[in-house]
Amino acid sequence: MKVRDAMTHDVRLAKPEQTIREAARIMAEIDAGSVPVSDNDRLVGMITDRDIAVRAVAQGKSPDTKIGEVMSHEVLYCFEDEELEEVSRNMGDVKVRRMPVVNRDKRLVGIISLGDLARHEEPAETGHAMSDIARPGGEHSQTARH
């Protein structure tokens, strides 16, 4: 199965100049823990509820702190025409629960999450991805240098 057949197509975006309070409101509205961040039609990062908690609140930053100050700048993504099984393995390897999906022109077309994998992939494959993601550490942990 291709990623395009399992991904969520309707994606809300945030902008780097918005506040983390606005990001949190978006997350509450869409019931998700992360939102892609775009600037001038370009994907420039991801803001997660964990970014807000660890890089903002824990550091004493205000709710009016700009998303661009605390977001994850490295954008990991996959292509809509990739095989779901391959992307699932990659998500486990890099320890991310959600990944933006782009077309071959690198335009955002959706997002793939563990929930999407669980609904469309064999339970064993989803279990492997979840097990790898849950393992502590990795490049995208909050203790990694940013």
Protein backbone atom coordinates (compact mmCIF):
# COMPACT_ATOMS: atom_id res chain seq x y z
CA MET A 1 0.00 0.00 0.00
CA LYS A 2 1.19 3.51 -0.79
CA VAL A 3 1.43 6.27 1.81
CA ARG A 4 -1.16 8.34 -0.10
CA ASP A 5 -3.73 5.61 0.60
CA ALA A 6 -3.26 5.76 4.37
CA MET A 7 -2.27 9.37 5.17
CA THR A 8 -4.44 12.13 6.56
CA HIS A 9 -5.03 14.60 3.73
CA ASP A 10 -6.40 17.58 5.68
CA VAL A 11 -3.38 19.16 7.41
CA ARG A 12 -3.40 22.30 9.54
CA LEU A 13 -0.25 24.41 9.37
CA ALA A 14 1.33 26.93 11.69
CA LYS A 15 3.72 29.78 10.89
CA PRO A 16 7.00 30.51 12.71
CA GLU A 17 5.77 33.95 13.79
CA GLN A 18 2.68 32.56 15.51
CA THR A 19 2.84 32.00 19.27
CA ILE A 20 3.15 28.69 21.05
CA ARG A 21 -0.27 29.46 22.58
CA GLU A 22 -1.70 29.50 19.04
CA ALA A 23 0.11 26.26 18.24
CA ALA A 24 -1.37 24.63 21.35
CA ARG A 25 -4.86 25.80 20.32
CA ILE A 26 -4.40 24.29 16.86
CA MET A 27 -3.27 21.00 18.44
CA ALA A 28 -6.34 21.01 20.71
CA GLU A 29 -8.67 21.72 17.77
CA ILE A 30 -7.28 18.90 15.62
CA ASP A 31 -6.58 16.54 18.54
CA ALA A 32 -2.93 16.06 17.55
CA GLY A 33 0.41 16.49 19.27
CA SER A 34 2.25 18.14 16.39
CA VAL A 35 1.71 20.63 13.61
CA PRO A 36 3.87 21.27 10.53
CA VAL A 37 5.30 24.79 10.34
CA SER A 38 5.43 26.56 6.99
CA ASP A 39 6.88 29.83 5.80
CA ASN A 40 6.05 31.21 2.35
CA ASP A 41 4.66 27.86 1.15
CA ARG A 42 7.77 26.02 2.39
CA LEU A 43 7.85 23.44 5.17
CA VAL A 44 10.40 24.76 7.71
CA GLY A 45 9.79 22.68 10.82
CA MET A 46 7.43 20.88 13.16
CA ILE A 47 6.07 22.11 16.48
CA THR A 48 5.08 19.44 18.98
CA ASP A 49 3.39 19.51 22.34
CA ARG A 50 6.69 18.21 23.72
CA ASP A 51 8.59 21.13 22.13
CA ILE A 52 6.21 23.49 23.92
CA ALA A 53 6.56 21.68 27.24
CA VAL A 54 10.34 21.10 27.21
CA ARG A 55 11.75 23.97 25.15
CA ALA A 56 9.32 26.65 26.29
CA VAL A 57 7.42 26.02 29.52
CA ALA A 58 10.28 24.20 31.28
CA GLN A 59 12.59 27.06 30.31
CA GLY A 60 10.21 29.70 31.70
CA LYS A 61 9.20 31.08 28.31
CA SER A 62 5.91 32.89 27.89
CA PRO A 63 2.88 31.59 25.95
CA ASP A 64 3.60 34.46 23.55
CA THR A 65 6.95 32.91 22.54
CA LYS A 66 7.16 32.52 18.78
CA ILE A 67 6.88 29.01 17.38
CA GLY A 68 10.11 29.56 15.43
CA GLU A 69 12.05 29.80 18.72
CA VAL A 70 11.11 26.33 19.98
CA MET A 71 10.09 24.24 16.97
CA SER A 72 12.10 21.35 15.60
CA HIS A 73 13.87 22.77 12.56
CA GLU A 74 14.87 19.51 10.95
CA VAL A 75 11.99 18.42 8.75
CA LEU A 76 11.74 14.69 8.21
CA TYR A 77 9.24 13.78 5.52
CA CYS A 78 8.23 10.99 3.19
CA PHE A 79 6.80 10.89 -0.32
CA GLU A 80 3.18 10.04 -1.03
CA ASP A 81 4.18 7.33 -3.51
CA GLU A 82 6.43 5.42 -1.07
CA GLU A 83 5.39 2.04 0.31
CA LEU A 84 3.70 2.27 3.71
CA GLU A 85 5.82 -0.56 5.13
CA GLU A 86 9.05 1.27 4.23
CA VAL A 87 7.85 4.53 5.79
CA SER A 88 6.73 2.66 8.91
CA ARG A 89 10.23 1.23 9.33
CA ASN A 90 11.76 4.67 8.77
CA MET A 91 9.47 6.28 11.38
CA GLY A 92 10.65 3.64 13.87
CA ASP A 93 14.30 4.18 12.96
CA VAL A 94 14.13 7.97 13.41
CA LYS A 95 11.69 7.76 16.36
CA VAL A 96 8.88 10.00 15.10
CA ARG A 97 5.15 9.46 15.55
CA ARG A 98 4.07 11.70 12.69
CA MET A 99 5.71 12.59 9.42
CA PRO A 100 4.72 15.16 6.79
CA VAL A 101 3.96 13.69 3.36
CA VAL A 102 5.04 15.53 0.22
CA ASN A 103 4.61 14.93 -3.48
CA ARG A 104 7.59 14.69 -5.83
CA ASP A 105 7.49 18.51 -6.22
CA LYS A 106 8.04 18.62 -2.42
CA ARG A 107 4.63 20.19 -1.78
CA LEU A 108 2.91 19.14 1.44
CA VAL A 109 -0.03 16.84 0.62
CA GLY A 110 -0.71 15.17 3.97
CA ILE A 111 0.64 13.70 7.16
CA ILE A 112 1.15 10.08 8.18
CA SER A 113 0.83 9.07 11.83
CA LEU A 114 1.08 5.94 13.93
CA GLY A 115 -2.72 5.95 14.01
CA ASP A 116 -2.81 5.89 10.21
CA LEU A 117 -0.34 3.00 10.22
CA ALA A 118 -2.45 1.10 12.76
CA ARG A 119 -5.54 1.45 10.56
CA HIS A 120 -3.84 0.40 7.31
CA GLU A 121 -0.91 -1.85 8.11
CA GLU A 122 -0.44 -5.32 9.54
CA PRO A 123 -0.48 -5.19 13.36
CA ALA A 124 3.01 -6.71 13.58
CA GLU A 125 4.48 -3.95 11.37
CA THR A 126 2.80 -1.20 13.40
CA GLY A 127 4.02 -2.90 16.58
CA HIS A 128 7.61 -2.90 15.34
CA ALA A 129 7.42 0.81 14.51
CA MET A 130 5.88 1.65 17.89
CA SER A 131 8.49 -0.41 19.73
CA ASP A 132 11.32 1.40 17.94
CA ILE A 133 9.75 4.82 18.48
CA ALA A 134 9.24 4.16 22.19
CA ARG A 135 12.90 3.23 22.74
CA PRO A 136 14.56 6.11 24.65
CA GLY A 137 17.05 8.47 23.03
CA GLY A 138 17.77 9.14 19.40
CA GLU A 139 18.45 12.20 17.34
CA HIS A 140 14.99 13.66 17.94
CA SER A 141 14.88 13.32 21.71
CA GLN A 142 14.57 16.55 23.66
CA THR A 143 18.06 16.08 25.06
CA ALA A 144 19.63 16.06 21.58
CA ARG A 145 21.39 19.27 20.49
CA HIS A 146 19.24 21.56 18.30
